[in-house]
Amino acid sequence: MSEIRIITENRAARHNYFIEERLEAGIILTGTEIKSIRAGRVNLKDSYAEISGGEIWVLQMHISPYEKGNRFNHNPLRRRKLLLHKAQIAKLGAKVQQQGMTLVPLRIYIVRGLAKVELGLCKGKKTYDKRATIANRDAERDMARALRAANR
């Protein structure tokens, strides 16, 4: 069984969106980007994916320049192409256009030496949804705390 090494997660996505569907995509990297990813120097906050010209691109994903790199280092915020089958891209494009959903990178991980992006097909939460999520999480935490105290 291959081991998955999680590099970074987009926690803000779970707070801001309802995640309807998840899928794995490869990512095309250039130069020293993979070295920066392996070092954990990547940030998914405010990143999103868009479909244009039958291809899927991730935007606003910040991969810091490699410290030991030279003048051939990469632009940290450049557009990066994701690798998916045409049928998957068409299916996602239809859902994004018709249902008003967004494609958000949820995490980056390495499998068998290759960097992968977990994309989420998400629907935005309203403010009251966010408050309800926080209230449920606090209630579960209080119940768990009460159970631990009762078992002592």
C-alpha atoms as a PDB file:
ATOM      1  CA  MET A   1       0.000   0.000   0.000  1.00  0.00           C
ATOM      2  CA  SER A   2       1.380   3.405  -0.957  1.00  0.00           C
ATOM      3  CA  GLU A   3       1.883   5.938   1.776  1.00  0.00           C
ATOM      4  CA  ILE A   4       0.294   9.360   1.550  1.00  0.00           C
ATOM      5  CA  ARG A   5       2.245  12.283   2.982  1.00  0.00           C
ATOM      6  CA  ILE A   6      -0.034  15.283   3.533  1.00  0.00           C
ATOM      7  CA  ILE A   7       1.806  18.532   2.899  1.00  0.00           C
ATOM      8  CA  THR A   8      -0.883  21.124   3.640  1.00  0.00           C
ATOM      9  CA  GLU A   9      -4.636  21.401   4.163  1.00  0.00           C
ATOM     10  CA  ASN A  10      -7.059  24.214   3.414  1.00  0.00           C
ATOM     11  CA  ARG A  11      -8.906  24.478   6.714  1.00  0.00           C
ATOM     12  CA  ALA A  12     -10.657  27.677   5.696  1.00  0.00           C
ATOM     13  CA  ALA A  13     -12.438  25.736   2.939  1.00  0.00           C
ATOM     14  CA  ARG A  14     -14.208  23.529   5.491  1.00  0.00           C
ATOM     15  CA  HIS A  15     -15.310  26.663   7.351  1.00  0.00           C
ATOM     16  CA  ASN A  16     -16.466  28.619   4.292  1.00  0.00           C
ATOM     17  CA  TYR A  17     -17.975  25.864   2.109  1.00  0.00           C
ATOM     18  CA  PHE A  18     -20.141  22.760   2.154  1.00  0.00           C
ATOM     19  CA  ILE A  19     -17.989  20.145   0.420  1.00  0.00           C
ATOM     20  CA  GLU A  20     -20.246  18.124  -1.884  1.00  0.00           C
ATOM     21  CA  GLU A  21     -17.686  16.002  -3.723  1.00  0.00           C
ATOM     22  CA  ARG A  22     -13.928  15.353  -3.555  1.00  0.00           C
ATOM     23  CA  LEU A  23     -11.581  14.200  -6.292  1.00  0.00           C
ATOM     24  CA  GLU A  24      -7.864  13.743  -6.793  1.00  0.00           C
ATOM     25  CA  ALA A  25      -5.952  15.571  -9.524  1.00  0.00           C
ATOM     26  CA  GLY A  26      -2.337  15.620 -10.581  1.00  0.00           C
ATOM     27  CA  ILE A  27      -0.565  18.954 -10.893  1.00  0.00           C
ATOM     28  CA  ILE A  28       1.952  20.180 -13.439  1.00  0.00           C
ATOM     29  CA  LEU A  29       4.917  21.790 -11.684  1.00  0.00           C
ATOM     30  CA  THR A  30       7.992  23.499 -13.062  1.00  0.00           C
ATOM     31  CA  GLY A  31      11.565  23.827 -11.855  1.00  0.00           C
ATOM     32  CA  THR A  32      11.988  23.892  -8.105  1.00  0.00           C
ATOM     33  CA  GLU A  33       8.277  23.871  -7.184  1.00  0.00           C
ATOM     34  CA  ILE A  34       8.296  20.217  -6.121  1.00  0.00           C
ATOM     35  CA  LYS A  35      11.220  20.889  -3.787  1.00  0.00           C
ATOM     36  CA  SER A  36       9.307  23.727  -2.147  1.00  0.00           C
ATOM     37  CA  ILE A  37       6.213  21.525  -1.815  1.00  0.00           C
ATOM     38  CA  ARG A  38       8.211  18.725  -0.208  1.00  0.00           C
ATOM     39  CA  ALA A  39       9.592  21.310   2.242  1.00  0.00           C
ATOM     40  CA  GLY A  40       5.987  22.296   3.095  1.00  0.00           C
ATOM     41  CA  ARG A  41       6.298  25.830   1.698  1.00  0.00           C
ATOM     42  CA  VAL A  42       2.866  25.995   0.083  1.00  0.00           C
ATOM     43  CA  ASN A  43      -0.284  27.912   1.052  1.00  0.00           C
ATOM     44  CA  LEU A  44      -3.800  27.079  -0.173  1.00  0.00           C
ATOM     45  CA  LYS A  45      -5.619  29.976   1.498  1.00  0.00           C
ATOM     46  CA  ASP A  46      -7.748  31.921  -1.007  1.00  0.00           C
ATOM     47  CA  SER A  47      -6.895  29.480  -3.812  1.00  0.00           C
ATOM     48  CA  TYR A  48      -9.506  28.191  -6.245  1.00  0.00           C
ATOM     49  CA  ALA A  49      -9.724  26.297  -9.513  1.00  0.00           C
ATOM     50  CA  GLU A  50     -11.366  27.330 -12.758  1.00  0.00           C
ATOM     51  CA  ILE A  51     -12.154  25.606 -16.020  1.00  0.00           C
ATOM     52  CA  SER A  52     -11.092  27.401 -19.186  1.00  0.00           C
ATOM     53  CA  GLY A  53     -10.602  26.030 -22.665  1.00  0.00           C
ATOM     54  CA  GLY A  54     -11.374  22.461 -21.648  1.00  0.00           C
ATOM     55  CA  GLU A  55      -8.572  22.514 -19.067  1.00  0.00           C
ATOM     56  CA  ILE A  56      -8.639  23.008 -15.321  1.00  0.00           C
ATOM     57  CA  TRP A  57      -6.317  25.509 -13.638  1.00  0.00           C
ATOM     58  CA  VAL A  58      -5.620  26.301 -10.000  1.00  0.00           C
ATOM     59  CA  LEU A  59      -5.120  29.983  -9.174  1.00  0.00           C
ATOM     60  CA  GLN A  60      -3.803  31.891  -6.139  1.00  0.00           C
ATOM     61  CA  MET A  61      -1.987  28.827  -4.776  1.00  0.00           C
ATOM     62  CA  HIS A  62       1.227  30.179  -3.279  1.00  0.00           C
ATOM     63  CA  ILE A  63       4.313  27.973  -3.586  1.00  0.00           C
ATOM     64  CA  SER A  64       7.281  29.830  -2.101  1.00  0.00           C
ATOM     65  CA  PRO A  65      10.481  30.035  -4.157  1.00  0.00           C
ATOM     66  CA  TYR A  66      13.002  27.357  -3.218  1.00  0.00           C
ATOM     67  CA  GLU A  67      15.615  28.778  -0.816  1.00  0.00           C
ATOM     68  CA  LYS A  68      18.520  27.016  -2.504  1.00  0.00           C
ATOM     69  CA  GLY A  69      17.217  27.796  -5.970  1.00  0.00           C
ATOM     70  CA  ASN A  70      18.864  30.179  -8.377  1.00  0.00           C
ATOM     71  CA  ARG A  71      17.694  32.632 -11.009  1.00  0.00           C
ATOM     72  CA  PHE A  72      15.470  29.896 -12.508  1.00  0.00           C
ATOM     73  CA  ASN A  73      13.111  29.931  -9.517  1.00  0.00           C
ATOM     74  CA  HIS A  74       9.386  30.060 -10.254  1.00  0.00           C
ATOM     75  CA  ASN A  75       6.733  32.738  -9.813  1.00  0.00           C
ATOM     76  CA  PRO A  76       4.982  31.907  -6.483  1.00  0.00           C
ATOM     77  CA  LEU A  77       1.407  32.714  -7.626  1.00  0.00           C
ATOM     78  CA  ARG A  78       1.419  31.482 -11.229  1.00  0.00           C
ATOM     79  CA  ARG A  79      -1.494  29.476 -12.699  1.00  0.00           C
ATOM     80  CA  ARG A  80      -0.912  25.735 -12.481  1.00  0.00           C
ATOM     81  CA  LYS A  81      -2.612  23.185 -14.691  1.00  0.00           C
ATOM     82  CA  LEU A  82      -4.347  20.224 -13.064  1.00  0.00           C
ATOM     83  CA  LEU A  83      -4.487  16.805 -14.679  1.00  0.00           C
ATOM     84  CA  LEU A  84      -7.928  15.231 -14.994  1.00  0.00           C
ATOM     85  CA  HIS A  85      -9.714  13.218 -17.680  1.00  0.00           C
ATOM     86  CA  LYS A  86     -11.819  15.150 -20.211  1.00  0.00           C
ATOM     87  CA  ALA A  87     -15.004  13.499 -18.957  1.00  0.00           C
ATOM     88  CA  GLN A  88     -14.244  14.549 -15.372  1.00  0.00           C
ATOM     89  CA  ILE A  89     -13.566  18.131 -16.460  1.00  0.00           C
ATOM     90  CA  ALA A  90     -16.818  18.243 -18.467  1.00  0.00           C
ATOM     91  CA  LYS A  91     -18.816  16.881 -15.520  1.00  0.00           C
ATOM     92  CA  LEU A  92     -17.274  19.415 -13.131  1.00  0.00           C
ATOM     93  CA  GLY A  93     -17.812  22.248 -15.607  1.00  0.00           C
ATOM     94  CA  ALA A  94     -21.506  21.428 -15.893  1.00  0.00           C
ATOM     95  CA  LYS A  95     -21.954  21.397 -12.115  1.00  0.00           C
ATOM     96  CA  VAL A  96     -20.050  24.654 -11.651  1.00  0.00           C
ATOM     97  CA  GLN A  97     -22.119  26.462 -14.314  1.00  0.00           C
ATOM     98  CA  GLN A  98     -25.573  25.095 -13.506  1.00  0.00           C
ATOM     99  CA  GLN A  99     -25.503  24.753  -9.744  1.00  0.00           C
ATOM    100  CA  GLY A 100     -23.295  27.721  -8.831  1.00  0.00           C
ATOM    101  CA  MET A 101     -20.624  25.633  -7.181  1.00  0.00           C
ATOM    102  CA  THR A 102     -16.915  26.368  -6.762  1.00  0.00           C
ATOM    103  CA  LEU A 103     -13.815  24.224  -7.174  1.00  0.00           C
ATOM    104  CA  VAL A 104     -11.517  24.622  -4.169  1.00  0.00           C
ATOM    105  CA  PRO A 105      -8.201  22.844  -3.484  1.00  0.00           C
ATOM    106  CA  LEU A 106      -8.635  21.114  -0.107  1.00  0.00           C
ATOM    107  CA  ARG A 107      -5.169  19.659   0.418  1.00  0.00           C
ATOM    108  CA  ILE A 108      -1.881  18.838  -1.251  1.00  0.00           C
ATOM    109  CA  TYR A 109      -0.169  15.529  -0.644  1.00  0.00           C
ATOM    110  CA  ILE A 110       2.524  13.324  -2.112  1.00  0.00           C
ATOM    111  CA  VAL A 111       1.821   9.756  -3.271  1.00  0.00           C
ATOM    112  CA  ARG A 112       4.603   7.588  -4.763  1.00  0.00           C
ATOM    113  CA  GLY A 113       6.743  10.698  -5.252  1.00  0.00           C
ATOM    114  CA  LEU A 114       4.067  12.637  -7.154  1.00  0.00           C
ATOM    115  CA  ALA A 115       2.317  15.767  -5.881  1.00  0.00           C
ATOM    116  CA  LYS A 116      -1.475  15.523  -5.927  1.00  0.00           C
ATOM    117  CA  VAL A 117      -4.216  18.042  -5.201  1.00  0.00           C
ATOM    118  CA  GLU A 118      -7.518  17.064  -3.617  1.00  0.00           C
ATOM    119  CA  LEU A 119     -10.185  19.236  -5.224  1.00  0.00           C
ATOM    120  CA  GLY A 120     -13.518  19.838  -3.608  1.00  0.00           C
ATOM    121  CA  LEU A 121     -16.716  20.692  -5.430  1.00  0.00           C
ATOM    122  CA  CYS A 122     -18.116  23.158  -2.905  1.00  0.00           C
ATOM    123  CA  LYS A 123     -21.157  25.305  -2.244  1.00  0.00           C
ATOM    124  CA  GLY A 124     -20.668  28.496  -0.224  1.00  0.00           C
ATOM    125  CA  LYS A 125     -21.944  28.742   3.347  1.00  0.00           C
ATOM    126  CA  LYS A 126     -23.981  31.670   4.559  1.00  0.00           C
ATOM    127  CA  THR A 127     -23.064  33.396   7.823  1.00  0.00           C
ATOM    128  CA  TYR A 128     -25.809  31.610   9.756  1.00  0.00           C
ATOM    129  CA  ASP A 129     -24.541  28.248   8.432  1.00  0.00           C
ATOM    130  CA  LYS A 130     -21.063  29.043   9.743  1.00  0.00           C
ATOM    131  CA  ARG A 131     -22.482  29.968  13.152  1.00  0.00           C
ATOM    132  CA  ALA A 132     -24.504  26.725  13.266  1.00  0.00           C
ATOM    133  CA  THR A 133     -21.389  24.695  12.418  1.00  0.00           C
ATOM    134  CA  ILE A 134     -19.438  26.383  15.215  1.00  0.00           C
ATOM    135  CA  ALA A 135     -22.309  25.835  17.683  1.00  0.00           C
ATOM    136  CA  ASN A 136     -22.519  22.111  16.784  1.00  0.00           C
ATOM    137  CA  ARG A 137     -18.767  21.683  17.168  1.00  0.00           C
ATOM    138  CA  ASP A 138     -18.838  23.419  20.582  1.00  0.00           C
ATOM    139  CA  ALA A 139     -21.769  21.249  21.723  1.00  0.00           C
ATOM    140  CA  GLU A 140     -19.949  18.061  20.687  1.00  0.00           C
ATOM    141  CA  ARG A 141     -16.820  19.215  22.507  1.00  0.00           C
ATOM    142  CA  ASP A 142     -18.848  19.946  25.674  1.00  0.00           C
ATOM    143  CA  MET A 143     -20.519  16.507  25.526  1.00  0.00           C
ATOM    144  CA  ALA A 144     -17.174  14.769  25.101  1.00  0.00           C
ATOM    145  CA  ARG A 145     -15.757  16.763  28.016  1.00  0.00           C
ATOM    146  CA  ALA A 146     -18.766  15.817  30.203  1.00  0.00           C
ATOM    147  CA  LEU A 147     -18.378  12.100  29.282  1.00  0.00           C
ATOM    148  CA  ARG A 148     -14.680  12.167  30.173  1.00  0.00           C
ATOM    149  CA  ALA A 149     -15.475  13.831  33.509  1.00  0.00           C
ATOM    150  CA  ALA A 150     -18.225  11.262  34.246  1.00  0.00           C
ATOM    151  CA  ASN A 151     -15.892   8.325  33.511  1.00  0.00           C
ATOM    152  CA  ARG A 152     -13.285   9.445  36.043  1.00  0.00           C
END
